[in-house]
Amino acid sequence: MKRCGWVNQDPLYIDYHDHEWGVPVYDDRLLFEYLNLEGAQAGLSWYTILKKRENYRKAFDHFEPSIIISYDEKKIEELLQNEGIVRNKLKINAVITNAKAFLKVTEEFGSFSKYIWSFVDGKPIKNHFKDLTEVPATTDISDRLSKDLKKRGFKFVGSTICYAFMQATGMVNDHLESCICYNKIPVKNT
């Protein structure tokens, strides 16, 4: 069975590739989680963050923005001591900042999903790449998304992070044409 070349042999990574990466996500809380985990990845590999994902979920109250906005200095210090996550103060503070911005976007648009999916006209973009070298790190859409998120107060949302987020949440299908997942990605309804 042929998979995208970035997948290693760890069953955790294979499962992520086969069942999550590129599958359209419309759930607000899950979109918020992915956005922050992609931000945590900055300067690291996704595999590093994936192995810590359950720790992140526990440490950040399952990425519930309404809880995260009330984090105080004591909670931040607790997170900085948590060996199960990346202990970077800027990245930890970004999750709190992002929770506040997320709730404002949700209030303005009715849901974060409506806002985020508007950048791809509400439906996944299916790319046709034959080789990993063809897959871009950024696109015009990720540039626009990054700029708009920053304008709304989000942190750790550069264009490369935004494109990785778009790939992970199925806004784009960047499985290679030769990959077993290329034609099997389901489209979930909102």
Foldseek 3Di string as FASTA:
>chain_A
DDWAPVADPPPLSVCLRQPFFQAADQDQQVLLLLLLLLLLCVVHDNVLSSQLVVVVCVLCVNSDLVVLLPDDPVSLVVQLPDPSGPNDSVSSVLSNQLSVLLVVVCVVQVGVSVVVLVLLPNAAAEDAAAHPVPDDLADPSLCVVLVVSVVSRHPSRHRSSSVSSCRRNNSYPPIYPPRPCSPPRDHDDD
